[in-house]
């Protein structure tokens, strides 16, 4: 039973990497969204309003303009390795590998840390305001104050929370499996 739970949770975690995680909005209009894979690769999908402005150009991806999120990349590696170990354990009929909860915990911590530190696009926005010299106080101003002043919001989409929840499942199942009977 635990092998199936591990397989399903790691497969779901890998699937959630394809869904939008972060939505960068300006004046309540979506400008750029990033999925888990796009944060790793350094890309993003333009929002509806940006698609209207740049309709002639390649509008589905903005490649090469963003940096990669290193913690998310390592978390993705943990998820892929965990999925491979779960498949091997499921096909071999062996008990689940003790490394699965550790891989899930590491991926969970790394993605949570990236959320806390901010995604690279957030730093790009701050750097662009510093380079343009719009204000002299931008270097001193806090990122959250700058975003509030410019009406920029960073919205975490439900898929990132589903990602974290699917990574929590192998940890919980390992915890309850250790319970004495």
C-alpha atoms as a PDB file:
ATOM      1  CA  UNK A   1       0.000   0.000   0.000  1.00  0.00           C
ATOM      2  CA  UNK A   2       2.803   2.428   0.913  1.00  0.00           C
ATOM      3  CA  UNK A   3       4.541   1.676  -2.390  1.00  0.00           C
ATOM      4  CA  UNK A   4       1.453   2.723  -4.311  1.00  0.00           C
ATOM      5  CA  UNK A   5       1.084   5.893  -2.253  1.00  0.00           C
ATOM      6  CA  UNK A   6       4.728   6.783  -2.892  1.00  0.00           C
ATOM      7  CA  UNK A   7       4.378   6.161  -6.621  1.00  0.00           C
ATOM      8  CA  UNK A   8       1.177   8.188  -6.921  1.00  0.00           C
ATOM      9  CA  UNK A   9       2.513  11.085  -4.871  1.00  0.00           C
ATOM     10  CA  UNK A  10       5.813  11.342  -6.792  1.00  0.00           C
ATOM     11  CA  UNK A  11       4.002  10.996 -10.137  1.00  0.00           C
ATOM     12  CA  UNK A  12       1.591  13.747  -9.080  1.00  0.00           C
ATOM     13  CA  UNK A  13       4.499  15.912  -7.913  1.00  0.00           C
ATOM     14  CA  UNK A  14       6.145  15.537 -11.315  1.00  0.00           C
ATOM     15  CA  UNK A  15       2.848  16.356 -13.032  1.00  0.00           C
ATOM     16  CA  UNK A  16       2.374  19.516 -10.971  1.00  0.00           C
ATOM     17  CA  UNK A  17       5.677  20.840 -12.345  1.00  0.00           C
ATOM     18  CA  UNK A  18       3.863  21.377 -15.669  1.00  0.00           C
ATOM     19  CA  UNK A  19       1.112  23.561 -14.182  1.00  0.00           C
ATOM     20  CA  UNK A  20       1.425  27.303 -13.447  1.00  0.00           C
ATOM     21  CA  UNK A  21       3.034  27.998 -10.089  1.00  0.00           C
ATOM     22  CA  UNK A  22       3.596  31.741 -10.003  1.00  0.00           C
ATOM     23  CA  UNK A  23       1.556  34.558 -11.537  1.00  0.00           C
ATOM     24  CA  UNK A  24       3.132  38.004 -11.739  1.00  0.00           C
ATOM     25  CA  UNK A  25       0.361  40.568 -11.895  1.00  0.00           C
ATOM     26  CA  UNK A  26       0.439  44.317 -12.384  1.00  0.00           C
ATOM     27  CA  UNK A  27      -2.754  46.214 -11.531  1.00  0.00           C
ATOM     28  CA  UNK A  28      -4.573  42.877 -11.132  1.00  0.00           C
ATOM     29  CA  UNK A  29      -3.750  41.789 -14.701  1.00  0.00           C
ATOM     30  CA  UNK A  30      -1.603  38.744 -15.348  1.00  0.00           C
ATOM     31  CA  UNK A  31       1.685  39.684 -17.023  1.00  0.00           C
ATOM     32  CA  UNK A  32       3.768  36.500 -16.771  1.00  0.00           C
ATOM     33  CA  UNK A  33       3.054  33.056 -15.367  1.00  0.00           C
ATOM     34  CA  UNK A  34       5.670  30.440 -14.632  1.00  0.00           C
ATOM     35  CA  UNK A  35       5.243  26.718 -14.192  1.00  0.00           C
ATOM     36  CA  UNK A  36       7.679  24.646 -12.180  1.00  0.00           C
ATOM     37  CA  UNK A  37       9.594  23.656 -15.306  1.00  0.00           C
ATOM     38  CA  UNK A  38       9.686  27.254 -16.507  1.00  0.00           C
ATOM     39  CA  UNK A  39      11.205  28.412 -13.220  1.00  0.00           C
ATOM     40  CA  UNK A  40      13.911  25.788 -13.673  1.00  0.00           C
ATOM     41  CA  UNK A  41      14.509  26.620 -17.341  1.00  0.00           C
ATOM     42  CA  UNK A  42      14.225  30.373 -16.895  1.00  0.00           C
ATOM     43  CA  UNK A  43      11.151  30.946 -19.042  1.00  0.00           C
ATOM     44  CA  UNK A  44       7.614  32.106 -18.618  1.00  0.00           C
ATOM     45  CA  UNK A  45       4.291  32.395 -20.385  1.00  0.00           C
ATOM     46  CA  UNK A  46       3.013  35.838 -21.218  1.00  0.00           C
ATOM     47  CA  UNK A  47      -0.332  36.857 -19.738  1.00  0.00           C
ATOM     48  CA  UNK A  48      -3.469  37.722 -21.708  1.00  0.00           C
ATOM     49  CA  UNK A  49      -2.738  41.442 -21.992  1.00  0.00           C
ATOM     50  CA  UNK A  50       0.872  40.843 -22.990  1.00  0.00           C
ATOM     51  CA  UNK A  51      -0.327  38.395 -25.658  1.00  0.00           C
ATOM     52  CA  UNK A  52      -2.452  41.145 -27.180  1.00  0.00           C
ATOM     53  CA  UNK A  53       0.505  43.541 -27.300  1.00  0.00           C
ATOM     54  CA  UNK A  54       3.009  41.064 -28.698  1.00  0.00           C
ATOM     55  CA  UNK A  55       0.676  38.901 -30.801  1.00  0.00           C
ATOM     56  CA  UNK A  56       2.958  38.830 -33.854  1.00  0.00           C
ATOM     57  CA  UNK A  57       5.963  37.644 -31.893  1.00  0.00           C
ATOM     58  CA  UNK A  58       6.562  34.329 -30.199  1.00  0.00           C
ATOM     59  CA  UNK A  59       4.002  34.851 -27.453  1.00  0.00           C
ATOM     60  CA  UNK A  60       3.873  31.571 -25.595  1.00  0.00           C
ATOM     61  CA  UNK A  61       7.342  31.687 -24.077  1.00  0.00           C
ATOM     62  CA  UNK A  62       9.813  34.344 -23.030  1.00  0.00           C
ATOM     63  CA  UNK A  63      13.019  32.329 -23.207  1.00  0.00           C
ATOM     64  CA  UNK A  64      16.477  33.359 -22.152  1.00  0.00           C
ATOM     65  CA  UNK A  65      15.343  36.475 -20.359  1.00  0.00           C
ATOM     66  CA  UNK A  66      14.958  34.951 -16.916  1.00  0.00           C
ATOM     67  CA  UNK A  67      17.317  33.165 -14.584  1.00  0.00           C
ATOM     68  CA  UNK A  68      16.742  29.638 -13.371  1.00  0.00           C
ATOM     69  CA  UNK A  69      15.588  28.810  -9.860  1.00  0.00           C
ATOM     70  CA  UNK A  70      18.358  26.566  -8.553  1.00  0.00           C
ATOM     71  CA  UNK A  71      16.499  25.248  -5.501  1.00  0.00           C
ATOM     72  CA  UNK A  72      13.526  24.249  -7.644  1.00  0.00           C
ATOM     73  CA  UNK A  73      15.901  22.513 -10.082  1.00  0.00           C
ATOM     74  CA  UNK A  74      17.402  20.408  -7.306  1.00  0.00           C
ATOM     75  CA  UNK A  75      13.872  19.745  -5.983  1.00  0.00           C
ATOM     76  CA  UNK A  76      12.870  18.532  -9.449  1.00  0.00           C
ATOM     77  CA  UNK A  77      15.856  16.188  -9.434  1.00  0.00           C
ATOM     78  CA  UNK A  78      14.712  14.794  -6.073  1.00  0.00           C
ATOM     79  CA  UNK A  79      11.199  14.253  -7.433  1.00  0.00           C
ATOM     80  CA  UNK A  80      12.469  12.450 -10.546  1.00  0.00           C
ATOM     81  CA  UNK A  81      14.806  10.256  -8.491  1.00  0.00           C
ATOM     82  CA  UNK A  82      11.992   9.528  -6.029  1.00  0.00           C
ATOM     83  CA  UNK A  83       9.667   8.556  -8.869  1.00  0.00           C
ATOM     84  CA  UNK A  84      12.284   6.184 -10.287  1.00  0.00           C
ATOM     85  CA  UNK A  85      12.832   4.574  -6.867  1.00  0.00           C
ATOM     86  CA  UNK A  86       9.060   4.282  -6.355  1.00  0.00           C
ATOM     87  CA  UNK A  87       8.621   2.587  -9.747  1.00  0.00           C
ATOM     88  CA  UNK A  88      11.472   0.163  -9.006  1.00  0.00           C
ATOM     89  CA  UNK A  89       9.979  -0.676  -5.622  1.00  0.00           C
ATOM     90  CA  UNK A  90       6.486  -1.053  -7.038  1.00  0.00           C
ATOM     91  CA  UNK A  91       7.579  -3.325  -9.885  1.00  0.00           C
ATOM     92  CA  UNK A  92       9.954  -5.354  -7.696  1.00  0.00           C
ATOM     93  CA  UNK A  93       7.342  -5.936  -5.005  1.00  0.00           C
ATOM     94  CA  UNK A  94       9.842  -4.879  -2.374  1.00  0.00           C
ATOM     95  CA  UNK A  95       9.082  -2.676   0.607  1.00  0.00           C
ATOM     96  CA  UNK A  96       9.383   1.040  -0.173  1.00  0.00           C
ATOM     97  CA  UNK A  97      12.849   2.518  -0.129  1.00  0.00           C
ATOM     98  CA  UNK A  98      13.688   4.465   3.024  1.00  0.00           C
ATOM     99  CA  UNK A  99      15.141   7.163   0.762  1.00  0.00           C
ATOM    100  CA  UNK A 100      11.699   8.127  -0.589  1.00  0.00           C
ATOM    101  CA  UNK A 101      10.557  10.178   2.416  1.00  0.00           C
ATOM    102  CA  UNK A 102      13.987  11.828   2.562  1.00  0.00           C
ATOM    103  CA  UNK A 103      13.816  12.777  -1.127  1.00  0.00           C
ATOM    104  CA  UNK A 104      10.286  14.113  -0.674  1.00  0.00           C
ATOM    105  CA  UNK A 105      11.352  16.100   2.395  1.00  0.00           C
ATOM    106  CA  UNK A 106      14.357  17.543   0.574  1.00  0.00           C
ATOM    107  CA  UNK A 107      12.243  18.587  -2.434  1.00  0.00           C
ATOM    108  CA  UNK A 108       9.605  20.059  -0.108  1.00  0.00           C
ATOM    109  CA  UNK A 109      12.204  22.071   1.802  1.00  0.00           C
ATOM    110  CA  UNK A 110      13.944  23.298  -1.357  1.00  0.00           C
ATOM    111  CA  UNK A 111      10.749  24.454  -3.059  1.00  0.00           C
ATOM    112  CA  UNK A 112       9.579  26.102   0.163  1.00  0.00           C
ATOM    113  CA  UNK A 113      12.953  27.819   0.500  1.00  0.00           C
ATOM    114  CA  UNK A 114      12.705  29.116  -3.064  1.00  0.00           C
ATOM    115  CA  UNK A 115       9.236  30.472  -2.270  1.00  0.00           C
ATOM    116  CA  UNK A 116      10.615  32.230   0.798  1.00  0.00           C
ATOM    117  CA  UNK A 117      13.659  33.667  -0.985  1.00  0.00           C
ATOM    118  CA  UNK A 118      11.650  34.601  -4.061  1.00  0.00           C
ATOM    119  CA  UNK A 119      11.757  33.429  -7.622  1.00  0.00           C
ATOM    120  CA  UNK A 120      14.347  34.865 -10.030  1.00  0.00           C
ATOM    121  CA  UNK A 121      11.732  36.931 -11.860  1.00  0.00           C
ATOM    122  CA  UNK A 122      11.151  38.895  -8.652  1.00  0.00           C
ATOM    123  CA  UNK A 123      14.829  39.851  -8.553  1.00  0.00           C
ATOM    124  CA  UNK A 124      14.695  40.751 -12.263  1.00  0.00           C
ATOM    125  CA  UNK A 125      11.833  43.169 -11.587  1.00  0.00           C
ATOM    126  CA  UNK A 126      13.743  44.836  -8.741  1.00  0.00           C
ATOM    127  CA  UNK A 127      16.932  45.031 -10.857  1.00  0.00           C
ATOM    128  CA  UNK A 128      15.028  46.618 -13.729  1.00  0.00           C
ATOM    129  CA  UNK A 129      13.735  49.343 -11.427  1.00  0.00           C
ATOM    130  CA  UNK A 130      17.233  49.911 -10.057  1.00  0.00           C
ATOM    131  CA  UNK A 131      18.764  50.139 -13.549  1.00  0.00           C
ATOM    132  CA  UNK A 132      16.186  52.562 -14.907  1.00  0.00           C
ATOM    133  CA  UNK A 133      16.775  54.861 -11.946  1.00  0.00           C
ATOM    134  CA  UNK A 134      13.077  55.574 -11.634  1.00  0.00           C
ATOM    135  CA  UNK A 135      13.625  56.516  -8.040  1.00  0.00           C
ATOM    136  CA  UNK A 136      16.687  57.217  -5.987  1.00  0.00           C
ATOM    137  CA  UNK A 137      15.196  55.281  -3.068  1.00  0.00           C
ATOM    138  CA  UNK A 138      14.774  51.979  -4.960  1.00  0.00           C
ATOM    139  CA  UNK A 139      18.103  50.648  -3.711  1.00  0.00           C
ATOM    140  CA  UNK A 140      16.985  51.307  -0.133  1.00  0.00           C
ATOM    141  CA  UNK A 141      13.315  50.380  -0.493  1.00  0.00           C
ATOM    142  CA  UNK A 142      12.150  46.916   0.522  1.00  0.00           C
ATOM    143  CA  UNK A 143      11.023  44.581  -2.266  1.00  0.00           C
ATOM    144  CA  UNK A 144       7.513  44.288  -0.846  1.00  0.00           C
ATOM    145  CA  UNK A 145       7.232  48.079  -0.606  1.00  0.00           C
ATOM    146  CA  UNK A 146       8.427  48.453  -4.199  1.00  0.00           C
ATOM    147  CA  UNK A 147       5.891  45.902  -5.400  1.00  0.00           C
ATOM    148  CA  UNK A 148       3.112  47.600  -3.418  1.00  0.00           C
ATOM    149  CA  UNK A 149       4.112  50.989  -4.804  1.00  0.00           C
ATOM    150  CA  UNK A 150       4.147  49.761  -8.405  1.00  0.00           C
ATOM    151  CA  UNK A 151       0.995  47.633  -7.868  1.00  0.00           C
ATOM    152  CA  UNK A 152       2.877  44.434  -8.654  1.00  0.00           C
ATOM    153  CA  UNK A 153       1.592  41.257  -7.026  1.00  0.00           C
ATOM    154  CA  UNK A 154       3.107  37.829  -6.987  1.00  0.00           C
ATOM    155  CA  UNK A 155       0.351  35.249  -6.720  1.00  0.00           C
ATOM    156  CA  UNK A 156       1.143  31.626  -6.008  1.00  0.00           C
ATOM    157  CA  UNK A 157      -1.189  29.435  -8.041  1.00  0.00           C
ATOM    158  CA  UNK A 158      -2.894  26.381  -6.498  1.00  0.00           C
ATOM    159  CA  UNK A 159      -0.574  23.985  -8.360  1.00  0.00           C
ATOM    160  CA  UNK A 160       2.406  24.973  -6.208  1.00  0.00           C
ATOM    161  CA  UNK A 161       0.430  24.105  -3.080  1.00  0.00           C
ATOM    162  CA  UNK A 162      -0.675  20.808  -4.641  1.00  0.00           C
ATOM    163  CA  UNK A 163       3.015  20.171  -5.356  1.00  0.00           C
ATOM    164  CA  UNK A 164       3.912  20.733  -1.714  1.00  0.00           C
ATOM    165  CA  UNK A 165       0.995  18.566  -0.571  1.00  0.00           C
ATOM    166  CA  UNK A 166       1.944  15.695  -2.852  1.00  0.00           C
ATOM    167  CA  UNK A 167       5.488  15.823  -1.461  1.00  0.00           C
ATOM    168  CA  UNK A 168       4.146  15.782   2.085  1.00  0.00           C
ATOM    169  CA  UNK A 169       2.255  12.533   1.471  1.00  0.00           C
ATOM    170  CA  UNK A 170       5.309  10.162   1.396  1.00  0.00           C
ATOM    171  CA  UNK A 171       6.639  11.831   4.543  1.00  0.00           C
ATOM    172  CA  UNK A 172       3.354  11.286   6.376  1.00  0.00           C
ATOM    173  CA  UNK A 173       3.005   7.711   5.168  1.00  0.00           C
ATOM    174  CA  UNK A 174       6.538   6.918   6.380  1.00  0.00           C
ATOM    175  CA  UNK A 175       5.780   8.551   9.712  1.00  0.00           C
ATOM    176  CA  UNK A 176       2.621   6.497  10.225  1.00  0.00           C
ATOM    177  CA  UNK A 177       4.398   3.318   9.034  1.00  0.00           C
ATOM    178  CA  UNK A 178       6.907   3.729  11.886  1.00  0.00           C
ATOM    179  CA  UNK A 179       4.076   3.688  14.418  1.00  0.00           C
ATOM    180  CA  UNK A 180       4.207   0.608  16.656  1.00  0.00           C
ATOM    181  CA  UNK A 181       1.417  -1.885  16.164  1.00  0.00           C
END
